[in-house]
Amino acid sequence: MTWTLPDGTEVTTWHRTATPAEPRAGAAPVVVVHGGPGATHDYLLALADLVGDGRTVIHYDQVGNGRSSHLPDADPGLWTVGLFVDELAALVRHLELADGFHLVGQSWGGMLGPEFVLAHPDDVRSLSVLDSPASIELWLAAAGRLRAALPVAVQEALTRHEDAGTTDDPEYHEAMQVFYDRHVCRVLPNPPEVAATFAALDADPTVYLTMNGPSEFHVVGSLVGWSVVDRLAQLSVPTLVVAGEHDEAQPETWAPFVELVPDVRSHVVAGASHMPHVEQPQELLDVVGAFLREHDG
């Protein structure tokens, strides 16, 4: 799909569609929104198995990474929440999903999901928020608590390099991996689709570094003040919130969704962290699939 940035630049957003062998009448399509910001769809490929319920499943790589257009020299001000809402809206128009679709967002994708619904409330039949916070302030507080439980030497290495501005040092990445292995993906070594996303992030970290920062728990980019908490009561679609037991998205990060969204339910996947779709795929598919079926009509 080709679309135009605010400055008139034409860019391409890559997408893939999984089509059911036996379509089920009334089964609305699903658009899967990946995390990052600046990651790729690869690590979410397990959700393509929702096609087994007779529905179309759409993945895409957000602009700036993966198979979509890369813009490493773009003005940092380009990378905004609004840009990615506009991209998703363009994709919905391109795929002619105006009759309604389900939106499933994971991590940053689950932050983008409510932003999209608030801007385009008539397009979405349901919203699934997987492993996502309602604000970066809540995210950082939870990350700090989890970080404080890491081995002392790991904590010291992280702090030393963050204070010195040397977060590209291999020692920082080794220490960061300890956190990731506990709270991001507990399947070790990481499956190929997860490794592919991390490799893409390493190859072009432009969006991630600009909007997030050097790691999951050291957010110093443009998202640092982001929050949807004061707008959650306006979410007008049925919403499912899912997180892992050991998720970096700790319960306090997603509690505002449960407390403030009018039509909401939640589910915690035991034994999983930030990627229940990788760690406990069948449970995740069962929970999300049942929710989608309930709201197809």
Protein backbone atom coordinates (compact mmCIF):
# COMPACT_ATOMS: atom_id res chain seq x y z
CA MET A 1 0.00 0.00 0.00
CA THR A 2 1.29 3.44 -0.94
CA TRP A 3 0.19 6.49 1.01
CA THR A 4 1.39 10.03 1.63
CA LEU A 5 3.06 11.54 4.70
CA PRO A 6 2.09 15.02 5.92
CA ASP A 7 5.05 16.53 4.05
CA GLY A 8 3.92 14.99 0.77
CA THR A 9 6.41 12.10 0.73
CA GLU A 10 5.02 8.87 -0.69
CA VAL A 11 5.76 5.80 1.41
CA THR A 12 4.84 2.13 1.29
CA THR A 13 3.29 0.07 4.06
CA TRP A 14 3.72 -3.67 3.57
CA HIS A 15 0.91 -5.99 4.64
CA ARG A 16 0.00 -9.66 4.44
CA THR A 17 -3.41 -11.34 4.50
CA ALA A 18 -4.17 -14.85 5.72
CA THR A 19 -7.40 -16.10 4.16
CA PRO A 20 -9.42 -18.98 5.65
CA ALA A 21 -9.86 -22.15 3.63
CA GLU A 22 -13.49 -22.17 4.78
CA PRO A 23 -14.75 -18.63 5.48
CA ARG A 24 -17.37 -18.44 8.21
CA ALA A 25 -20.41 -16.31 7.53
CA GLY A 26 -20.34 -13.17 9.65
CA ALA A 27 -16.73 -13.58 10.77
CA ALA A 28 -15.23 -10.10 10.63
CA PRO A 29 -11.57 -9.70 9.62
CA VAL A 30 -8.83 -9.00 12.16
CA VAL A 31 -6.11 -6.38 11.82
CA VAL A 32 -3.09 -7.14 14.01
CA VAL A 33 -1.00 -4.15 15.14
CA HIS A 34 2.56 -4.88 16.23
CA GLY A 35 4.64 -3.30 18.96
CA GLY A 36 7.81 -1.28 19.16
CA PRO A 37 7.34 1.42 18.12
CA GLY A 38 9.51 0.42 15.20
CA ALA A 39 9.21 -3.37 15.40
CA THR A 40 7.77 -5.68 12.74
CA HIS A 41 4.86 -8.07 12.45
CA ASP A 42 7.02 -11.23 12.51
CA TYR A 43 6.83 -11.96 16.24
CA LEU A 44 3.01 -11.86 16.05
CA LEU A 45 2.67 -14.44 13.27
CA ALA A 46 1.11 -16.89 15.75
CA LEU A 47 -2.04 -14.75 15.61
CA ALA A 48 -2.45 -15.73 11.96
CA ASP A 49 -3.88 -18.95 13.39
CA LEU A 50 -7.08 -17.00 14.12
CA VAL A 51 -7.76 -17.78 10.47
CA GLY A 52 -8.84 -21.23 11.66
CA ASP A 53 -12.04 -19.63 12.94
CA GLY A 54 -13.03 -18.78 9.37
CA ARG A 55 -11.87 -15.17 9.42
CA THR A 56 -9.28 -13.15 7.49
CA VAL A 57 -6.23 -12.07 9.49
CA ILE A 58 -4.16 -9.06 8.39
CA HIS A 59 -0.64 -8.20 9.59
CA TYR A 60 1.42 -5.22 8.51
CA ASP A 61 4.79 -3.62 9.15
CA GLN A 62 4.43 -0.05 10.33
CA VAL A 63 6.29 2.53 8.28
CA GLY A 64 9.90 2.97 9.36
CA ASN A 65 10.84 -0.67 9.64
CA GLY A 66 10.53 -4.19 8.31
CA ARG A 67 9.28 -4.47 4.75
CA SER A 68 7.74 -1.00 4.75
CA SER A 69 9.50 2.25 3.81
CA HIS A 70 12.49 3.19 5.97
CA LEU A 71 13.15 6.84 6.73
CA PRO A 72 16.35 6.96 8.82
CA ASP A 73 17.03 10.60 7.94
CA ALA A 74 13.51 11.89 8.63
CA ASP A 75 12.91 14.76 11.03
CA PRO A 76 12.37 13.11 14.46
CA GLY A 77 9.18 15.12 14.71
CA LEU A 78 7.66 12.89 12.02
CA TRP A 79 7.33 9.96 14.40
CA THR A 80 4.13 10.66 16.30
CA VAL A 81 1.17 8.63 17.52
CA GLY A 82 -0.95 10.50 14.97
CA LEU A 83 1.24 9.34 12.10
CA PHE A 84 0.63 5.69 12.96
CA VAL A 85 -3.11 6.27 13.47
CA ASP A 86 -3.19 7.79 9.99
CA GLU A 87 -1.25 4.85 8.57
CA LEU A 88 -3.70 2.36 10.03
CA ALA A 89 -6.63 4.39 8.72
CA ALA A 90 -5.06 4.37 5.24
CA LEU A 91 -4.62 0.59 5.45
CA VAL A 92 -8.26 0.13 6.48
CA ARG A 93 -9.37 2.19 3.47
CA HIS A 94 -6.99 0.35 1.15
CA LEU A 95 -8.31 -3.05 2.26
CA GLU A 96 -11.93 -1.82 2.15
CA LEU A 97 -12.73 -2.81 5.73
CA ALA A 98 -15.41 -0.17 6.19
CA ASP A 99 -17.99 -2.84 7.05
CA GLY A 100 -16.18 -3.44 10.30
CA PHE A 101 -13.17 -5.31 11.64
CA HIS A 102 -11.59 -6.41 14.89
CA LEU A 103 -8.44 -4.62 16.04
CA VAL A 104 -5.84 -6.60 17.99
CA GLY A 105 -2.86 -4.59 19.23
CA GLN A 106 0.12 -5.91 21.17
CA SER A 107 2.42 -3.77 23.37
CA TRP A 108 2.82 -0.44 21.51
CA GLY A 109 0.13 -1.80 19.16
CA GLY A 110 -2.21 -1.97 22.16
CA MET A 111 -1.45 1.68 22.88
CA LEU A 112 -2.13 2.58 19.27
CA GLY A 113 -5.38 0.58 19.29
CA PRO A 114 -7.37 2.85 21.61
CA GLU A 115 -5.94 5.91 19.86
CA PHE A 116 -7.31 4.57 16.58
CA VAL A 117 -10.70 3.71 18.06
CA LEU A 118 -11.03 7.17 19.59
CA ALA A 119 -10.28 8.73 16.20
CA HIS A 120 -12.36 6.24 14.14
CA PRO A 121 -15.04 4.83 16.47
CA ASP A 122 -17.33 3.55 13.72
CA ASP A 123 -14.84 1.21 12.03
CA VAL A 124 -14.00 -1.21 14.83
CA ARG A 125 -16.20 -4.03 16.15
CA SER A 126 -13.91 -4.91 19.05
CA LEU A 127 -10.54 -3.96 20.49
CA SER A 128 -8.07 -6.41 22.03
CA VAL A 129 -5.27 -4.82 24.06
CA LEU A 130 -2.48 -7.33 24.58
CA ASP A 131 0.37 -6.62 27.02
CA SER A 132 -0.05 -2.84 26.89
CA PRO A 133 -0.05 0.04 29.37
CA ALA A 134 -2.57 2.85 29.64
CA SER A 135 0.26 5.34 30.20
CA ILE A 136 4.03 5.49 30.03
CA GLU A 137 4.14 6.80 33.60
CA LEU A 138 2.52 3.57 34.80
CA TRP A 139 4.80 1.53 32.53
CA LEU A 140 7.96 3.12 33.92
CA ALA A 141 6.86 2.67 37.52
CA ALA A 142 6.24 -1.04 36.94
CA ALA A 143 9.49 -1.42 35.01
CA GLY A 144 11.38 0.18 37.86
CA ARG A 145 9.91 -2.30 40.31
CA LEU A 146 10.82 -5.27 38.09
CA ARG A 147 14.26 -3.84 37.45
CA ALA A 148 14.89 -3.55 41.19
CA ALA A 149 14.44 -7.33 41.44
CA LEU A 150 17.27 -8.04 38.97
CA PRO A 151 20.68 -9.15 40.27
CA VAL A 152 22.58 -6.21 41.75
CA ALA A 153 25.40 -6.46 39.18
CA VAL A 154 22.87 -6.27 36.36
CA GLN A 155 21.19 -3.21 37.88
CA GLU A 156 24.54 -1.50 38.31
CA ALA A 157 25.55 -2.16 34.70
CA LEU A 158 22.26 -0.75 33.42
CA THR A 159 22.48 2.40 35.54
CA ARG A 160 26.14 2.98 34.76
CA HIS A 161 25.62 2.98 31.01
CA GLU A 162 22.38 4.97 31.12
CA ASP A 163 24.08 7.67 33.19
CA ALA A 164 27.11 7.70 30.86
CA GLY A 165 25.02 7.69 27.67
CA THR A 166 26.70 4.46 26.54
CA THR A 167 23.60 2.32 26.06
CA ASP A 168 25.07 1.00 22.82
CA ASP A 169 27.79 -0.77 24.81
CA PRO A 170 27.62 -4.61 24.65
CA GLU A 171 27.64 -4.76 28.46
CA TYR A 172 24.41 -2.74 28.54
CA HIS A 173 22.79 -5.10 26.04
CA GLU A 174 23.88 -8.13 28.04
CA ALA A 175 22.34 -6.67 31.18
CA MET A 176 19.22 -5.65 29.27
CA GLN A 177 18.82 -9.24 28.07
CA VAL A 178 18.46 -10.45 31.66
CA PHE A 179 15.33 -8.30 31.98
CA TYR A 180 14.07 -9.39 28.55
CA ASP A 181 14.48 -13.08 29.36
CA ARG A 182 12.35 -12.64 32.47
CA HIS A 183 9.69 -10.20 31.32
CA VAL A 184 9.61 -9.97 27.50
CA CYS A 185 9.92 -13.53 26.14
CA ARG A 186 10.55 -16.51 28.39
CA VAL A 187 10.94 -18.97 25.50
CA LEU A 188 14.72 -19.38 25.21
CA PRO A 189 16.29 -19.25 22.79
CA ASN A 190 13.74 -16.93 21.22
CA PRO A 191 11.76 -18.54 18.37
CA PRO A 192 12.79 -17.52 14.82
CA GLU A 193 9.87 -15.11 14.36
CA VAL A 194 10.76 -13.27 17.58
CA ALA A 195 14.44 -13.21 16.66
CA ALA A 196 13.50 -11.79 13.25
CA THR A 197 11.74 -8.83 14.85
CA PHE A 198 14.65 -8.10 17.19
CA ALA A 199 17.03 -8.32 14.21
CA ALA A 200 14.92 -5.81 12.29
CA LEU A 201 14.96 -3.45 15.28
CA ASP A 202 18.74 -3.74 15.46
CA ALA A 203 19.08 -3.10 11.72
CA ASP A 204 17.08 0.14 11.83
CA PRO A 205 16.27 1.43 15.33
CA THR A 206 15.24 4.89 14.11
CA VAL A 207 11.62 4.79 15.27
CA TYR A 208 12.30 2.86 18.47
CA LEU A 209 15.08 5.16 19.64
CA THR A 210 13.12 8.30 18.74
CA MET A 211 9.81 7.36 20.34
CA ASN A 212 10.86 4.92 23.06
CA GLY A 213 14.56 4.99 23.88
CA PRO A 214 17.35 2.44 24.27
CA SER A 215 15.37 -0.26 26.11
CA GLU A 216 11.95 -1.38 27.29
CA PHE A 217 12.55 0.00 30.78
CA HIS A 218 14.43 3.22 29.93
CA VAL A 219 11.86 5.28 28.02
CA VAL A 220 13.32 8.69 27.22
CA GLY A 221 11.85 9.27 23.75
CA SER A 222 8.85 11.25 22.55
CA LEU A 223 6.37 8.77 24.07
CA VAL A 224 7.52 9.54 27.60
CA GLY A 225 4.44 11.65 28.42
CA TRP A 226 1.90 9.50 26.57
CA SER A 227 -1.32 8.53 28.32
CA VAL A 228 -4.80 7.48 27.29
CA VAL A 229 -6.13 7.21 30.86
CA ASP A 230 -8.24 10.37 30.76
CA ARG A 231 -9.91 9.25 27.51
CA LEU A 232 -10.69 5.61 28.29
CA ALA A 233 -14.27 6.32 29.33
CA GLN A 234 -14.85 7.43 25.73
CA LEU A 235 -13.90 4.05 24.23
CA SER A 236 -17.10 2.90 22.61
CA VAL A 237 -16.23 -0.65 21.57
CA PRO A 238 -16.06 -3.93 23.51
CA THR A 239 -12.51 -4.28 24.81
CA LEU A 240 -10.45 -7.27 25.90
CA VAL A 241 -7.29 -6.76 27.96
CA VAL A 242 -4.76 -9.60 28.15
CA ALA A 243 -1.35 -9.78 29.85
CA GLY A 244 1.09 -12.41 31.05
CA GLU A 245 1.72 -13.27 34.67
CA HIS A 246 5.36 -12.13 34.38
CA ASP A 247 4.66 -9.41 31.82
CA GLU A 248 6.56 -6.14 31.87
CA ALA A 249 3.03 -4.81 31.44
CA GLN A 250 2.24 -5.39 35.11
CA PRO A 251 -1.38 -5.25 36.36
CA GLU A 252 -1.09 -1.63 37.49
CA THR A 253 -0.18 -0.60 33.93
CA TRP A 254 -3.41 -1.91 32.41
CA ALA A 255 -5.72 -1.48 35.42
CA PRO A 256 -7.13 1.82 34.02
CA PHE A 257 -8.53 -0.07 31.01
CA VAL A 258 -10.43 -2.40 33.33
CA GLU A 259 -11.56 0.40 35.62
CA LEU A 260 -12.60 2.97 33.03
CA VAL A 261 -13.59 1.36 29.70
CA PRO A 262 -17.39 0.89 29.69
CA ASP A 263 -17.44 -2.62 28.14
CA VAL A 264 -14.29 -4.49 29.15
CA ARG A 265 -12.97 -7.81 30.38
CA SER A 266 -9.47 -9.02 31.22
CA HIS A 267 -7.44 -12.21 31.28
CA VAL A 268 -4.01 -13.03 32.72
CA VAL A 269 -2.00 -15.84 31.08
CA ALA A 270 -0.25 -17.86 33.79
CA GLY A 271 3.45 -18.50 33.27
CA ALA A 272 3.77 -16.05 30.38
CA SER A 273 5.48 -12.69 30.13
CA HIS A 274 5.17 -10.03 27.40
CA MET A 275 4.52 -12.52 24.60
CA PRO A 276 1.74 -14.92 25.68
CA HIS A 277 1.05 -15.56 21.99
CA VAL A 278 4.51 -17.19 21.84
CA GLU A 279 4.72 -18.64 25.36
CA GLN A 280 1.14 -19.98 25.72
CA PRO A 281 -0.21 -19.67 22.16
CA GLN A 282 -3.24 -21.94 22.45
CA GLU A 283 -4.58 -20.21 25.56
CA LEU A 284 -4.10 -16.81 23.95
CA LEU A 285 -5.81 -17.90 20.73
CA ASP A 286 -8.71 -19.43 22.66
CA VAL A 287 -9.29 -16.29 24.74
CA VAL A 288 -8.99 -13.83 21.85
CA GLY A 289 -10.88 -16.10 19.44
CA ALA A 290 -13.85 -16.45 21.78
CA PHE A 291 -13.96 -12.69 22.30
CA LEU A 292 -13.91 -12.02 18.56
CA ARG A 293 -16.70 -14.52 17.90
CA GLU A 294 -18.84 -12.90 20.55
CA HIS A 295 -18.54 -9.53 18.81
CA ASP A 296 -18.70 -10.53 15.14
CA GLY A 297 -22.30 -9.45 14.80
